[in-house]
Amino acid sequence: MGAGAPSASGAAVRDGVTVAVLCRADEPALARTLRSLEDGAGHLVRDGREVDFAICVNGPTGSGAALAAAQAMVARCAPGTARVLIDARADKARAWNLVRATCTTPLIAYCDADVEVAPDALAQLVAALDASPGVLLASARQVPEFGPFASEPATGDARRATLVARAAAIPYRFDFQVVGGRLYVMRTSAVERMPEGLLLEDGWLSARLGNDALRTVREAEVRFHPPTTLADYFRERMRTEAGKLQIRDERRAAGRAQEPIARYRWHEMASALGPADLPLVAVHLGVRLVSRALAELAARRGRSIAWAPVASSKPHSTEVP
């Protein structure tokens, strides 16, 4: 797998793809994510694509599990087709830039480190870009998972379907025509660099590229665990709302219009929600409104909101590279 690798099917070699994983050094689920991406990369290779991997492990080393998982993948891959980048600063936007600077392929896939990617998701995202030259970025559909992932034992943790987790999952029923940050494929030339310190890099990409240049491919799925506790949901939403304020301030400083990043189809959303969903919507809106108010207050006082891990969205079992 990687540059110079012949297509297993004998087909002509097509545009190459760099598969990038941005991972904090204390991430416990990287090994699982990499295994699912390897399966997906196999589909691309059989389609005549050259594929290479770039894993950026950033932040304090912690237990070293993430770095061990990354190095184990490099050992499994053909020489020169996988690389590990290490950065002591825990900054996802900075990690994004580091990978982008080393990328020489026309397409780059960015993936979070705590998800499970469907085997054909990468191929479907690349195909969507092939079919639509005007689309600059194609995102996978983000699917909340309340039980164990497909690759986990059936006896895995089943305590995830809490009221909070189901409320956190409500927005993922709809397509807001924005970047789905857990897995997307982008034309490498579309963006060269993003500002470091961003809390909502997918929102920044959405604002930078514009809704019409984005596509969500619903057949391409990436699964994730939503937060299960109210404290963790607040941490996640505070980061999101503070990230929106960063984007608002950048736009304001540049004299750009302050239109919403997302496209809200209110009638479609209202018709899709039933009476049983009302408590979930109430929890979601309540957390969102309070988080926004707290983020605004912190911004007025000149305080920054630091990234904080959302522990209840992580696996409860130990990963083995």
Protein backbone atom coordinates (compact mmCIF):
# COMPACT_ATOMS: atom_id res chain seq x y z
CA MET A 1 0.00 0.00 0.00
CA GLY A 2 1.40 3.41 -0.89
CA ALA A 3 3.34 5.29 -3.51
CA GLY A 4 4.55 3.09 -6.29
CA ALA A 5 2.32 0.18 -5.30
CA PRO A 6 0.66 -1.46 -8.30
CA SER A 7 -3.08 -1.88 -8.36
CA ALA A 8 -4.10 -5.34 -7.19
CA SER A 9 -6.67 -5.46 -9.99
CA GLY A 10 -4.19 -4.35 -12.65
CA ALA A 11 -6.18 -1.14 -13.28
CA ALA A 12 -4.40 2.08 -14.22
CA VAL A 13 -3.08 3.97 -11.21
CA ARG A 14 -5.31 6.93 -10.34
CA ASP A 15 -4.94 9.98 -8.08
CA GLY A 16 -3.18 9.10 -4.84
CA VAL A 17 -4.70 9.56 -1.39
CA THR A 18 -2.99 10.39 1.89
CA VAL A 19 -4.94 9.05 4.86
CA ALA A 20 -4.19 11.29 7.84
CA VAL A 21 -5.09 10.55 11.46
CA LEU A 22 -4.80 13.33 14.03
CA CYS A 23 -4.35 11.81 17.46
CA ARG A 24 -3.66 13.06 20.96
CA ALA A 25 -0.91 11.10 22.65
CA ASP A 26 -3.31 9.96 25.38
CA GLU A 27 -5.91 8.57 22.94
CA PRO A 28 -6.86 4.98 23.94
CA ALA A 29 -8.73 3.97 20.76
CA LEU A 30 -6.21 4.66 17.98
CA ALA A 31 -5.42 1.01 17.24
CA ARG A 32 -9.07 0.26 16.47
CA THR A 33 -9.39 3.31 14.24
CA LEU A 34 -6.25 2.41 12.27
CA ARG A 35 -7.45 -1.14 11.69
CA SER A 36 -10.70 0.13 10.20
CA LEU A 37 -8.82 2.61 8.00
CA GLU A 38 -6.48 -0.11 6.73
CA ASP A 39 -9.52 -2.07 5.56
CA GLY A 40 -10.85 1.03 3.80
CA ALA A 41 -7.51 1.78 2.17
CA GLY A 42 -7.54 -1.70 0.68
CA HIS A 43 -10.64 -0.75 -1.33
CA LEU A 44 -8.77 2.26 -2.74
CA VAL A 45 -5.73 0.20 -3.70
CA ARG A 46 -7.91 -2.32 -5.52
CA ASP A 47 -9.41 0.63 -7.38
CA GLY A 48 -5.97 1.63 -8.65
CA ARG A 49 -5.20 4.30 -6.04
CA GLU A 50 -1.85 4.88 -4.39
CA VAL A 51 -2.38 5.23 -0.64
CA ASP A 52 -0.09 6.37 2.14
CA PHE A 53 -0.73 7.01 5.83
CA ALA A 54 0.32 9.93 8.04
CA ILE A 55 -0.39 9.73 11.77
CA CYS A 56 0.26 12.84 13.83
CA VAL A 57 0.55 12.05 17.54
CA ASN A 58 0.41 15.32 19.44
CA GLY A 59 0.53 16.42 23.06
CA PRO A 60 2.25 15.04 26.17
CA THR A 61 3.11 11.37 25.74
CA GLY A 62 0.95 10.01 28.56
CA SER A 63 0.86 6.20 28.58
CA GLY A 64 2.41 5.96 25.13
CA ALA A 65 -0.39 3.71 23.87
CA ALA A 66 -1.22 5.94 20.89
CA LEU A 67 2.39 6.16 19.74
CA ALA A 68 2.76 2.39 20.11
CA ALA A 69 -0.35 1.83 17.98
CA ALA A 70 0.95 4.23 15.32
CA GLN A 71 4.35 2.55 15.23
CA ALA A 72 2.72 -0.89 15.03
CA MET A 73 0.85 0.23 11.92
CA VAL A 74 4.02 1.55 10.31
CA ALA A 75 5.58 -1.87 10.90
CA ARG A 76 2.62 -3.57 9.17
CA CYS A 77 2.76 -1.34 6.08
CA ALA A 78 5.16 -1.51 3.16
CA PRO A 79 8.30 0.60 3.66
CA GLY A 80 7.70 4.27 2.95
CA THR A 81 3.91 4.04 2.88
CA ALA A 82 3.20 5.07 6.47
CA ARG A 83 4.81 7.71 8.66
CA VAL A 84 4.38 9.01 12.18
CA LEU A 85 4.69 12.71 13.01
CA ILE A 86 5.20 13.69 16.65
CA ASP A 87 4.46 17.11 18.11
CA ALA A 88 4.68 17.97 21.81
CA ARG A 89 1.87 20.54 21.55
CA ALA A 90 -1.69 19.30 21.90
CA ASP A 91 -3.26 21.31 19.09
CA LYS A 92 -5.42 19.61 16.45
CA ALA A 93 -5.18 22.49 13.97
CA ARG A 94 -1.39 22.46 14.29
CA ALA A 95 -1.40 18.68 13.73
CA TRP A 96 -3.60 19.25 10.65
CA ASN A 97 -1.03 21.71 9.29
CA LEU A 98 1.90 19.37 9.97
CA VAL A 99 0.29 16.57 7.99
CA ARG A 100 -0.83 18.90 5.19
CA ALA A 101 2.73 20.21 4.82
CA THR A 102 4.04 16.68 4.17
CA CYS A 103 1.27 15.68 1.76
CA THR A 104 2.13 15.28 -1.94
CA THR A 105 -1.01 13.49 -3.13
CA PRO A 106 -3.97 15.24 -4.85
CA LEU A 107 -6.39 14.01 -2.17
CA ILE A 108 -6.09 13.87 1.59
CA ALA A 109 -8.43 12.09 4.00
CA TYR A 110 -8.55 13.37 7.57
CA CYS A 111 -9.87 11.06 10.28
CA ASP A 112 -10.35 11.36 14.03
CA ALA A 113 -8.57 8.84 16.22
CA ASP A 114 -11.54 7.51 18.22
CA VAL A 115 -13.93 6.28 15.52
CA GLU A 116 -14.66 3.21 13.44
CA VAL A 117 -14.72 3.71 9.66
CA ALA A 118 -16.95 1.57 7.43
CA PRO A 119 -14.86 -0.54 5.00
CA ASP A 120 -16.12 1.25 1.87
CA ALA A 121 -16.33 4.78 3.32
CA LEU A 122 -13.02 6.08 1.97
CA ALA A 123 -13.74 4.74 -1.51
CA GLN A 124 -17.20 6.33 -1.52
CA LEU A 125 -15.84 9.73 -0.46
CA VAL A 126 -13.16 9.64 -3.16
CA ALA A 127 -15.76 8.60 -5.74
CA ALA A 128 -17.95 11.55 -4.73
CA LEU A 129 -15.09 13.96 -5.46
CA ASP A 130 -14.38 12.21 -8.77
CA ALA A 131 -18.01 12.63 -9.79
CA SER A 132 -18.27 16.31 -8.84
CA PRO A 133 -15.27 18.47 -9.83
CA GLY A 134 -16.82 21.51 -8.14
CA VAL A 135 -16.92 19.80 -4.75
CA LEU A 136 -13.77 20.43 -2.72
CA LEU A 137 -14.50 18.28 0.32
CA ALA A 138 -16.65 15.21 0.91
CA SER A 139 -17.61 14.16 4.44
CA ALA A 140 -18.78 10.83 5.77
CA ARG A 141 -22.09 10.55 7.58
CA GLN A 142 -21.35 10.59 11.30
CA VAL A 143 -23.32 7.81 12.99
CA PRO A 144 -23.67 7.79 16.80
CA GLU A 145 -23.11 4.32 18.26
CA PHE A 146 -24.67 3.50 21.62
CA GLY A 147 -23.38 -0.04 21.92
CA PRO A 148 -20.09 -1.71 21.02
CA PHE A 149 -18.59 -1.05 17.60
CA ALA A 150 -18.74 -3.83 15.02
CA SER A 151 -15.11 -4.74 15.75
CA GLU A 152 -15.69 -4.94 19.51
CA PRO A 153 -17.01 -7.97 21.43
CA ALA A 154 -20.78 -8.20 21.59
CA THR A 155 -20.41 -8.11 25.36
CA GLY A 156 -18.94 -4.60 25.16
CA ASP A 157 -20.21 -1.72 27.26
CA ALA A 158 -23.96 -1.32 26.73
CA ARG A 159 -24.42 1.61 29.14
CA ARG A 160 -24.02 4.26 26.44
CA ALA A 161 -27.68 4.83 25.52
CA THR A 162 -28.24 7.40 28.26
CA LEU A 163 -30.62 10.33 27.88
CA VAL A 164 -27.61 12.60 27.42
CA ALA A 165 -26.05 10.39 24.73
CA ARG A 166 -29.31 10.25 22.80
CA ALA A 167 -29.72 14.03 23.11
CA ALA A 168 -26.16 14.55 21.88
CA ALA A 169 -26.97 12.35 18.88
CA ILE A 170 -29.99 14.39 17.73
CA PRO A 171 -28.11 16.79 15.38
CA TYR A 172 -26.49 13.88 13.52
CA ARG A 173 -29.84 12.92 12.04
CA PHE A 174 -29.64 15.91 9.70
CA ASP A 175 -27.37 17.23 6.98
CA PHE A 176 -26.42 20.87 7.65
CA GLN A 177 -24.10 20.97 4.62
CA VAL A 178 -20.98 21.47 6.72
CA VAL A 179 -17.76 19.52 7.15
CA GLY A 180 -18.21 16.35 9.16
CA GLY A 181 -14.98 16.50 11.11
CA ARG A 182 -14.65 12.84 12.07
CA LEU A 183 -13.90 11.72 8.50
CA TYR A 184 -13.61 13.68 5.27
CA VAL A 185 -11.64 13.65 2.03
CA MET A 186 -10.44 16.99 0.68
CA ARG A 187 -8.74 18.12 -2.47
CA THR A 188 -5.29 18.88 -1.09
CA SER A 189 -5.04 22.15 -3.02
CA ALA A 190 -8.24 23.51 -1.41
CA VAL A 191 -6.61 24.63 1.84
CA GLU A 192 -2.90 24.94 2.54
CA ARG A 193 -3.00 25.94 6.19
CA MET A 194 -5.41 26.79 9.02
CA PRO A 195 -4.83 29.01 12.08
CA GLU A 196 -3.32 27.18 15.03
CA GLY A 197 -5.33 26.98 18.22
CA LEU A 198 -8.71 26.44 16.55
CA LEU A 199 -11.26 24.64 18.70
CA LEU A 200 -13.59 23.88 15.78
CA GLU A 201 -11.40 23.19 12.77
CA ASP A 202 -14.23 21.52 10.83
CA GLY A 203 -16.38 24.62 11.33
CA TRP A 204 -13.48 26.79 10.13
CA LEU A 205 -13.17 24.65 6.99
CA SER A 206 -16.92 24.94 6.40
CA ALA A 207 -16.73 28.73 6.59
CA ARG A 208 -13.57 28.88 4.48
CA LEU A 209 -14.76 26.64 1.63
CA GLY A 210 -18.46 27.55 1.63
CA ASN A 211 -21.47 25.24 1.80
CA ASP A 212 -21.73 24.75 -1.96
CA ALA A 213 -18.21 23.25 -2.10
CA LEU A 214 -19.10 20.62 0.52
CA ARG A 215 -20.85 17.29 0.18
CA THR A 216 -21.98 14.75 2.78
CA VAL A 217 -21.98 11.21 1.40
CA ARG A 218 -24.61 9.42 3.44
CA GLU A 219 -23.55 5.98 2.21
CA ALA A 220 -20.08 6.53 3.70
CA GLU A 221 -20.33 5.97 7.44
CA VAL A 222 -18.04 6.72 10.36
CA ARG A 223 -19.23 5.60 13.78
CA PHE A 224 -18.47 7.29 17.08
CA HIS A 225 -19.56 7.19 20.71
CA PRO A 226 -21.37 10.35 21.90
CA PRO A 227 -20.77 11.56 25.47
CA THR A 228 -22.89 9.77 28.04
CA THR A 229 -22.65 12.17 31.00
CA LEU A 230 -23.97 15.70 31.33
CA ALA A 231 -20.55 17.00 32.41
CA ASP A 232 -18.90 15.57 29.30
CA TYR A 233 -21.67 16.88 27.06
CA PHE A 234 -21.09 20.36 28.47
CA ARG A 235 -17.34 20.01 27.82
CA GLU A 236 -18.02 19.06 24.21
CA ARG A 237 -20.54 21.84 23.63
CA MET A 238 -18.39 24.47 25.35
CA ARG A 239 -15.57 23.64 22.96
CA THR A 240 -17.97 23.84 20.01
CA GLU A 241 -19.47 27.17 21.04
CA ALA A 242 -16.07 28.68 21.82
CA GLY A 243 -14.90 27.48 18.41
CA LYS A 244 -17.83 29.24 16.74
CA LEU A 245 -16.85 32.45 18.50
CA GLN A 246 -13.28 32.09 17.20
CA ILE A 247 -14.64 31.81 13.66
CA ARG A 248 -17.00 34.75 14.21
CA ASP A 249 -14.16 36.94 15.47
CA GLU A 250 -11.90 35.96 12.56
CA ARG A 251 -14.65 36.82 10.07
CA ARG A 252 -15.36 40.09 11.81
CA ALA A 253 -11.68 41.06 11.75
CA ALA A 254 -11.57 40.29 8.02
CA GLY A 255 -14.74 42.28 7.34
CA ARG A 256 -16.59 39.21 6.13
CA ALA A 257 -20.32 38.60 6.39
CA GLN A 258 -21.54 36.88 9.54
CA GLU A 259 -23.91 34.39 7.94
CA PRO A 260 -24.44 31.07 9.78
CA ILE A 261 -21.91 28.33 9.03
CA ALA A 262 -24.58 25.64 8.83
CA ARG A 263 -27.67 25.52 6.64
CA TYR A 264 -30.67 24.82 8.84
CA ARG A 265 -33.71 23.25 7.20
CA TRP A 266 -36.16 23.93 9.99
CA HIS A 267 -39.27 22.44 8.36
CA GLU A 268 -37.46 19.21 7.51
CA MET A 269 -36.08 18.96 11.04
CA ALA A 270 -39.43 19.61 12.69
CA SER A 271 -41.21 17.04 10.54
CA ALA A 272 -38.57 14.38 11.28
CA LEU A 273 -38.87 14.67 15.06
CA GLY A 274 -41.65 12.94 16.96
CA PRO A 275 -43.11 13.35 20.47
CA ALA A 276 -40.61 10.87 21.92
CA ASP A 277 -37.80 13.12 20.74
CA LEU A 278 -38.99 16.21 22.62
CA PRO A 279 -37.11 15.45 25.89
CA LEU A 280 -33.95 14.85 23.86
CA VAL A 281 -34.38 18.11 21.97
CA ALA A 282 -34.96 19.94 25.27
CA VAL A 283 -31.73 18.55 26.75
CA HIS A 284 -29.78 19.35 23.58
CA LEU A 285 -31.06 22.92 23.32
CA GLY A 286 -30.60 23.54 27.04
CA VAL A 287 -26.97 22.39 27.00
CA ARG A 288 -26.33 24.31 23.81
CA LEU A 289 -27.80 27.60 25.08
CA VAL A 290 -26.02 27.44 28.44
CA SER A 291 -22.73 26.52 26.75
CA ARG A 292 -23.08 29.43 24.35
CA ALA A 293 -23.77 31.85 27.18
CA LEU A 294 -20.76 30.61 29.17
CA ALA A 295 -18.51 30.78 26.10
CA GLU A 296 -19.65 34.36 25.43
CA LEU A 297 -19.01 35.29 29.06
CA ALA A 298 -15.53 33.77 28.97
CA ALA A 299 -14.75 35.66 25.74
CA ARG A 300 -15.87 38.98 27.24
CA ARG A 301 -13.63 38.40 30.23
CA GLY A 302 -10.70 37.56 27.99
CA ARG A 303 -10.54 33.95 29.12
CA SER A 304 -9.85 31.13 26.70
CA ILE A 305 -11.56 27.75 26.84
CA ALA A 306 -9.02 24.96 26.72
CA TRP A 307 -9.60 21.65 24.99
CA ALA A 308 -10.69 18.99 27.48
CA PRO A 309 -11.06 15.25 26.83
CA VAL A 310 -14.57 13.79 26.74
CA ALA A 311 -13.86 10.65 28.72
CA SER A 312 -17.28 9.01 28.42
CA SER A 313 -16.97 8.92 24.61
CA LYS A 314 -13.89 6.70 24.86
CA PRO A 315 -13.80 2.89 25.01
CA HIS A 316 -13.75 1.33 28.47
CA SER A 317 -11.49 -1.52 27.39
CA THR A 318 -7.75 -1.47 26.75
CA GLU A 319 -6.70 -1.30 23.11
CA VAL A 320 -4.06 -3.66 21.79
CA PRO A 321 -2.01 -2.43 18.77
